[in-house]
C-alpha atoms as a PDB file:
ATOM      1  CA  UNK A   1       1.934 -11.461  10.039  1.00  0.00           C
ATOM      2  CA  UNK A   2       4.132  -9.372  12.332  1.00  0.00           C
ATOM      3  CA  UNK A   3       7.122 -11.367  11.083  1.00  0.00           C
ATOM      4  CA  UNK A   4       6.267 -10.535   7.480  1.00  0.00           C
ATOM      5  CA  UNK A   5       6.077  -6.780   8.111  1.00  0.00           C
ATOM      6  CA  UNK A   6       9.231  -6.899  10.257  1.00  0.00           C
ATOM      7  CA  UNK A   7      11.013  -8.665   7.428  1.00  0.00           C
ATOM      8  CA  UNK A   8       9.833  -5.993   5.019  1.00  0.00           C
ATOM      9  CA  UNK A   9      11.140  -3.240   7.237  1.00  0.00           C
ATOM     10  CA  UNK A  10      14.564  -4.857   7.403  1.00  0.00           C
ATOM     11  CA  UNK A  11      14.408  -6.448   3.927  1.00  0.00           C
ATOM     12  CA  UNK A  12      15.472  -9.861   5.179  1.00  0.00           C
ATOM     13  CA  UNK A  13      12.685 -12.127   3.951  1.00  0.00           C
ATOM     14  CA  UNK A  14      14.023 -15.653   3.504  1.00  0.00           C
ATOM     15  CA  UNK A  15      12.276 -18.358   1.485  1.00  0.00           C
ATOM     16  CA  UNK A  16      12.225 -21.819   3.028  1.00  0.00           C
ATOM     17  CA  UNK A  17      10.878 -25.124   1.786  1.00  0.00           C
ATOM     18  CA  UNK A  18       7.818 -24.861  -0.450  1.00  0.00           C
ATOM     19  CA  UNK A  19       6.861 -21.379   0.713  1.00  0.00           C
ATOM     20  CA  UNK A  20       5.954 -19.020  -2.087  1.00  0.00           C
ATOM     21  CA  UNK A  21       7.178 -15.610  -0.949  1.00  0.00           C
ATOM     22  CA  UNK A  22       7.456 -12.716  -3.357  1.00  0.00           C
ATOM     23  CA  UNK A  23       8.944  -9.301  -2.613  1.00  0.00           C
ATOM     24  CA  UNK A  24       9.864  -5.995  -4.187  1.00  0.00           C
ATOM     25  CA  UNK A  25      11.456  -2.717  -3.136  1.00  0.00           C
ATOM     26  CA  UNK A  26       9.954  -0.891  -6.115  1.00  0.00           C
ATOM     27  CA  UNK A  27       6.188  -1.204  -5.741  1.00  0.00           C
ATOM     28  CA  UNK A  28       4.144   1.741  -7.031  1.00  0.00           C
ATOM     29  CA  UNK A  29       1.677   3.443  -4.705  1.00  0.00           C
ATOM     30  CA  UNK A  30      -0.146   6.490  -5.994  1.00  0.00           C
ATOM     31  CA  UNK A  31      -3.007   8.625  -4.803  1.00  0.00           C
ATOM     32  CA  UNK A  32      -5.454  11.005  -6.381  1.00  0.00           C
ATOM     33  CA  UNK A  33      -7.534  13.807  -4.859  1.00  0.00           C
ATOM     34  CA  UNK A  34     -10.279  15.392  -6.905  1.00  0.00           C
ATOM     35  CA  UNK A  35     -10.500  18.896  -5.425  1.00  0.00           C
ATOM     36  CA  UNK A  36     -12.322  22.085  -6.299  1.00  0.00           C
ATOM     37  CA  UNK A  37      -9.202  24.193  -6.941  1.00  0.00           C
ATOM     38  CA  UNK A  38      -7.079  21.534  -8.665  1.00  0.00           C
ATOM     39  CA  UNK A  39      -6.566  17.797  -8.756  1.00  0.00           C
ATOM     40  CA  UNK A  40      -3.713  16.481  -6.656  1.00  0.00           C
ATOM     41  CA  UNK A  41      -1.796  13.313  -7.394  1.00  0.00           C
ATOM     42  CA  UNK A  42       1.492  11.773  -6.309  1.00  0.00           C
ATOM     43  CA  UNK A  43       3.379   8.540  -6.791  1.00  0.00           C
ATOM     44  CA  UNK A  44       5.852   6.591  -4.699  1.00  0.00           C
ATOM     45  CA  UNK A  45       7.930   4.052  -6.645  1.00  0.00           C
ATOM     46  CA  UNK A  46       9.761   2.657  -3.629  1.00  0.00           C
ATOM     47  CA  UNK A  47       7.051   0.777  -1.767  1.00  0.00           C
ATOM     48  CA  UNK A  48       8.277  -2.361  -0.059  1.00  0.00           C
ATOM     49  CA  UNK A  49       5.833  -5.187  -0.764  1.00  0.00           C
ATOM     50  CA  UNK A  50       5.655  -8.848   0.186  1.00  0.00           C
ATOM     51  CA  UNK A  51       3.194 -11.643  -0.461  1.00  0.00           C
ATOM     52  CA  UNK A  52       3.473 -15.085   1.093  1.00  0.00           C
ATOM     53  CA  UNK A  53       1.146 -17.082  -1.154  1.00  0.00           C
ATOM     54  CA  UNK A  54       1.462 -20.262   0.919  1.00  0.00           C
ATOM     55  CA  UNK A  55       0.279 -18.464   4.084  1.00  0.00           C
ATOM     56  CA  UNK A  56      -2.006 -15.955   2.362  1.00  0.00           C
ATOM     57  CA  UNK A  57      -0.219 -12.979   3.927  1.00  0.00           C
ATOM     58  CA  UNK A  58       0.331  -9.563   2.337  1.00  0.00           C
ATOM     59  CA  UNK A  59       2.333  -6.569   3.612  1.00  0.00           C
ATOM     60  CA  UNK A  60       3.296  -3.120   2.324  1.00  0.00           C
ATOM     61  CA  UNK A  61       5.510  -0.369   3.733  1.00  0.00           C
ATOM     62  CA  UNK A  62       5.535   3.082   2.117  1.00  0.00           C
ATOM     63  CA  UNK A  63       7.801   5.930   3.182  1.00  0.00           C
ATOM     64  CA  UNK A  64       5.609   9.060   3.184  1.00  0.00           C
ATOM     65  CA  UNK A  65       8.429  11.371   2.068  1.00  0.00           C
ATOM     66  CA  UNK A  66       8.878   9.116  -0.976  1.00  0.00           C
ATOM     67  CA  UNK A  67       5.742  10.506  -2.666  1.00  0.00           C
ATOM     68  CA  UNK A  68       6.612  12.715  -5.617  1.00  0.00           C
ATOM     69  CA  UNK A  69       4.334  15.507  -6.824  1.00  0.00           C
ATOM     70  CA  UNK A  70       4.216  17.547  -9.991  1.00  0.00           C
ATOM     71  CA  UNK A  71       4.695  20.724  -7.953  1.00  0.00           C
ATOM     72  CA  UNK A  72       7.315  21.052  -5.207  1.00  0.00           C
ATOM     73  CA  UNK A  73       5.005  23.237  -3.090  1.00  0.00           C
ATOM     74  CA  UNK A  74       2.344  20.496  -3.070  1.00  0.00           C
ATOM     75  CA  UNK A  75       4.948  18.012  -1.858  1.00  0.00           C
ATOM     76  CA  UNK A  76       6.032  20.372   0.919  1.00  0.00           C
ATOM     77  CA  UNK A  77       2.440  20.997   2.062  1.00  0.00           C
ATOM     78  CA  UNK A  78       1.661  17.259   1.907  1.00  0.00           C
ATOM     79  CA  UNK A  79       4.581  16.373   4.188  1.00  0.00           C
ATOM     80  CA  UNK A  80       4.353  19.304   6.603  1.00  0.00           C
ATOM     81  CA  UNK A  81       0.669  20.299   6.795  1.00  0.00           C
ATOM     82  CA  UNK A  82      -1.236  17.081   6.150  1.00  0.00           C
ATOM     83  CA  UNK A  83       0.856  13.955   6.745  1.00  0.00           C
ATOM     84  CA  UNK A  84       3.323  15.311   9.339  1.00  0.00           C
ATOM     85  CA  UNK A  85       5.838  12.890   7.873  1.00  0.00           C
ATOM     86  CA  UNK A  86       8.545  13.695  10.427  1.00  0.00           C
ATOM     87  CA  UNK A  87       6.251  12.299  13.132  1.00  0.00           C
ATOM     88  CA  UNK A  88       4.593   9.604  10.962  1.00  0.00           C
ATOM     89  CA  UNK A  89       7.294   8.572   8.461  1.00  0.00           C
ATOM     90  CA  UNK A  90       5.552   5.569   6.899  1.00  0.00           C
ATOM     91  CA  UNK A  91       2.249   3.944   6.069  1.00  0.00           C
ATOM     92  CA  UNK A  92       1.827   0.181   6.411  1.00  0.00           C
ATOM     93  CA  UNK A  93      -0.642  -2.533   5.485  1.00  0.00           C
ATOM     94  CA  UNK A  94      -0.670  -5.987   7.097  1.00  0.00           C
ATOM     95  CA  UNK A  95      -3.323  -8.305   5.782  1.00  0.00           C
ATOM     96  CA  UNK A  96      -4.409 -11.620   4.460  1.00  0.00           C
ATOM     97  CA  UNK A  97      -5.913 -12.955   1.275  1.00  0.00           C
ATOM     98  CA  UNK A  98      -9.612 -13.685   1.665  1.00  0.00           C
ATOM     99  CA  UNK A  99     -11.056 -16.222  -0.741  1.00  0.00           C
ATOM    100  CA  UNK A 100     -13.774 -18.864  -0.339  1.00  0.00           C
ATOM    101  CA  UNK A 101     -12.348 -21.390  -2.834  1.00  0.00           C
ATOM    102  CA  UNK A 102      -8.728 -22.608  -2.736  1.00  0.00           C
ATOM    103  CA  UNK A 103      -6.394 -20.567  -4.903  1.00  0.00           C
ATOM    104  CA  UNK A 104      -4.461 -22.478  -7.527  1.00  0.00           C
ATOM    105  CA  UNK A 105      -1.044 -21.390  -8.715  1.00  0.00           C
ATOM    106  CA  UNK A 106       0.117 -20.363 -11.198  1.00  0.00           C
ATOM    107  CA  UNK A 107      -2.721 -18.142 -12.272  1.00  0.00           C
ATOM    108  CA  UNK A 108      -4.471 -14.815 -11.942  1.00  0.00           C
ATOM    109  CA  UNK A 109      -7.149 -14.392  -9.294  1.00  0.00           C
ATOM    110  CA  UNK A 110      -9.610 -11.757  -8.205  1.00  0.00           C
ATOM    111  CA  UNK A 111      -9.153 -11.727  -4.443  1.00  0.00           C
ATOM    112  CA  UNK A 112     -10.034  -9.640  -1.452  1.00  0.00           C
ATOM    113  CA  UNK A 113      -7.523  -8.371   1.083  1.00  0.00           C
ATOM    114  CA  UNK A 114      -8.470  -7.906   4.719  1.00  0.00           C
ATOM    115  CA  UNK A 115      -6.074  -6.203   7.067  1.00  0.00           C
ATOM    116  CA  UNK A 116      -4.884  -3.204   9.025  1.00  0.00           C
ATOM    117  CA  UNK A 117      -3.936  -0.043   7.178  1.00  0.00           C
ATOM    118  CA  UNK A 118      -1.910   2.381   9.266  1.00  0.00           C
ATOM    119  CA  UNK A 119      -1.575   5.961   8.071  1.00  0.00           C
ATOM    120  CA  UNK A 120      -0.748   9.069  10.095  1.00  0.00           C
ATOM    121  CA  UNK A 121      -0.461   6.948  13.262  1.00  0.00           C
ATOM    122  CA  UNK A 122      -4.014   5.618  12.950  1.00  0.00           C
ATOM    123  CA  UNK A 123      -4.709   1.961  12.258  1.00  0.00           C
ATOM    124  CA  UNK A 124      -7.969   0.926  10.618  1.00  0.00           C
ATOM    125  CA  UNK A 125      -9.196  -2.412   9.321  1.00  0.00           C
ATOM    126  CA  UNK A 126      -9.972  -2.346   5.611  1.00  0.00           C
ATOM    127  CA  UNK A 127     -11.296  -4.831   3.086  1.00  0.00           C
ATOM    128  CA  UNK A 128     -10.329  -4.176  -0.547  1.00  0.00           C
ATOM    129  CA  UNK A 129     -10.594  -6.044  -3.852  1.00  0.00           C
ATOM    130  CA  UNK A 130      -7.339  -6.935  -5.591  1.00  0.00           C
ATOM    131  CA  UNK A 131      -5.863  -8.959  -8.416  1.00  0.00           C
ATOM    132  CA  UNK A 132      -3.038 -11.388  -7.652  1.00  0.00           C
ATOM    133  CA  UNK A 133      -1.240 -13.100 -10.513  1.00  0.00           C
ATOM    134  CA  UNK A 134       1.514 -15.641  -9.926  1.00  0.00           C
ATOM    135  CA  UNK A 135       3.586 -17.060 -12.767  1.00  0.00           C
ATOM    136  CA  UNK A 136       6.866 -18.833 -12.163  1.00  0.00           C
ATOM    137  CA  UNK A 137       9.289 -16.624 -10.274  1.00  0.00           C
ATOM    138  CA  UNK A 138       7.078 -13.515 -10.470  1.00  0.00           C
ATOM    139  CA  UNK A 139       3.878 -12.217  -8.895  1.00  0.00           C
ATOM    140  CA  UNK A 140       1.834  -9.097  -9.492  1.00  0.00           C
ATOM    141  CA  UNK A 141      -0.550  -7.603  -6.974  1.00  0.00           C
ATOM    142  CA  UNK A 142      -2.771  -4.686  -7.978  1.00  0.00           C
ATOM    143  CA  UNK A 143      -5.470  -2.924  -5.996  1.00  0.00           C
ATOM    144  CA  UNK A 144      -7.418   0.323  -5.914  1.00  0.00           C
ATOM    145  CA  UNK A 145      -9.423   1.675  -2.991  1.00  0.00           C
ATOM    146  CA  UNK A 146     -10.493   4.904  -1.313  1.00  0.00           C
ATOM    147  CA  UNK A 147      -9.972   6.215   2.185  1.00  0.00           C
ATOM    148  CA  UNK A 148     -11.485   9.112   4.088  1.00  0.00           C
ATOM    149  CA  UNK A 149      -8.980  11.582   5.507  1.00  0.00           C
ATOM    150  CA  UNK A 150     -10.951  11.919   8.736  1.00  0.00           C
ATOM    151  CA  UNK A 151     -10.715   8.149   9.377  1.00  0.00           C
ATOM    152  CA  UNK A 152      -6.940   8.530   9.714  1.00  0.00           C
ATOM    153  CA  UNK A 153      -6.873  11.798  11.656  1.00  0.00           C
ATOM    154  CA  UNK A 154      -5.747  13.837   8.662  1.00  0.00           C
ATOM    155  CA  UNK A 155      -7.263  17.280   8.895  1.00  0.00           C
ATOM    156  CA  UNK A 156      -8.337  19.062   5.746  1.00  0.00           C
ATOM    157  CA  UNK A 157      -7.893  22.811   5.635  1.00  0.00           C
ATOM    158  CA  UNK A 158     -10.812  25.239   5.755  1.00  0.00           C
ATOM    159  CA  UNK A 159     -10.533  25.965   2.036  1.00  0.00           C
ATOM    160  CA  UNK A 160     -10.834  22.221   1.242  1.00  0.00           C
ATOM    161  CA  UNK A 161      -7.857  22.227  -1.115  1.00  0.00           C
ATOM    162  CA  UNK A 162      -8.021  18.444  -1.147  1.00  0.00           C
ATOM    163  CA  UNK A 163     -10.919  16.026  -1.304  1.00  0.00           C
ATOM    164  CA  UNK A 164     -12.241  14.400   1.866  1.00  0.00           C
ATOM    165  CA  UNK A 165     -11.809  11.030   0.110  1.00  0.00           C
ATOM    166  CA  UNK A 166      -8.538   9.963  -1.513  1.00  0.00           C
ATOM    167  CA  UNK A 167      -8.206   7.237  -4.139  1.00  0.00           C
ATOM    168  CA  UNK A 168      -5.172   4.970  -3.634  1.00  0.00           C
ATOM    169  CA  UNK A 169      -3.733   2.660  -6.307  1.00  0.00           C
ATOM    170  CA  UNK A 170      -1.136  -0.023  -5.601  1.00  0.00           C
ATOM    171  CA  UNK A 171       0.725  -1.830  -8.389  1.00  0.00           C
ATOM    172  CA  UNK A 172       3.481  -4.255  -7.587  1.00  0.00           C
ATOM    173  CA  UNK A 173       5.628  -6.562  -9.626  1.00  0.00           C
ATOM    174  CA  UNK A 174       7.485  -8.922  -7.295  1.00  0.00           C
ATOM    175  CA  UNK A 175      10.147 -11.596  -7.590  1.00  0.00           C
ATOM    176  CA  UNK A 176      10.361 -14.852  -5.659  1.00  0.00           C
ATOM    177  CA  UNK A 177      12.260 -14.363  -2.401  1.00  0.00           C
END
């Protein structure tokens, strides 16, 4: 697993033998906060993603400063006041596909991912449902889950401009490595 995330960080994943590795540099990660004053959402279209189907490994790397907001001031506050992106420049997920029955490829499968999500310097084990579809030279991995800010040491302001719980959506379209 550490090799997979290291390869993502350096973008040097190499496919050998019958391994089914899929990668992208353009995965979409977005988040949504339903707040009293106004809803807040942002998207990052440069998430590095990798899935090794043969080993059941999954990894993501997202540069925090890569999130784009509708309003420039929101983006500034996000990076400086909440995420401290100079100190914590990226979020990562290292996990594995959890499934009772053997997965058959090609095909589309409802799966569960189990792994470590690291945000804001805090690592927490999460279990999330996902859809993984593999067809020929392409794979798609989609998931949606929620996190609590407090679980990752992200302090909300006194006014509660953002929700205590953030919804995260990941959509990737990967090519065989």
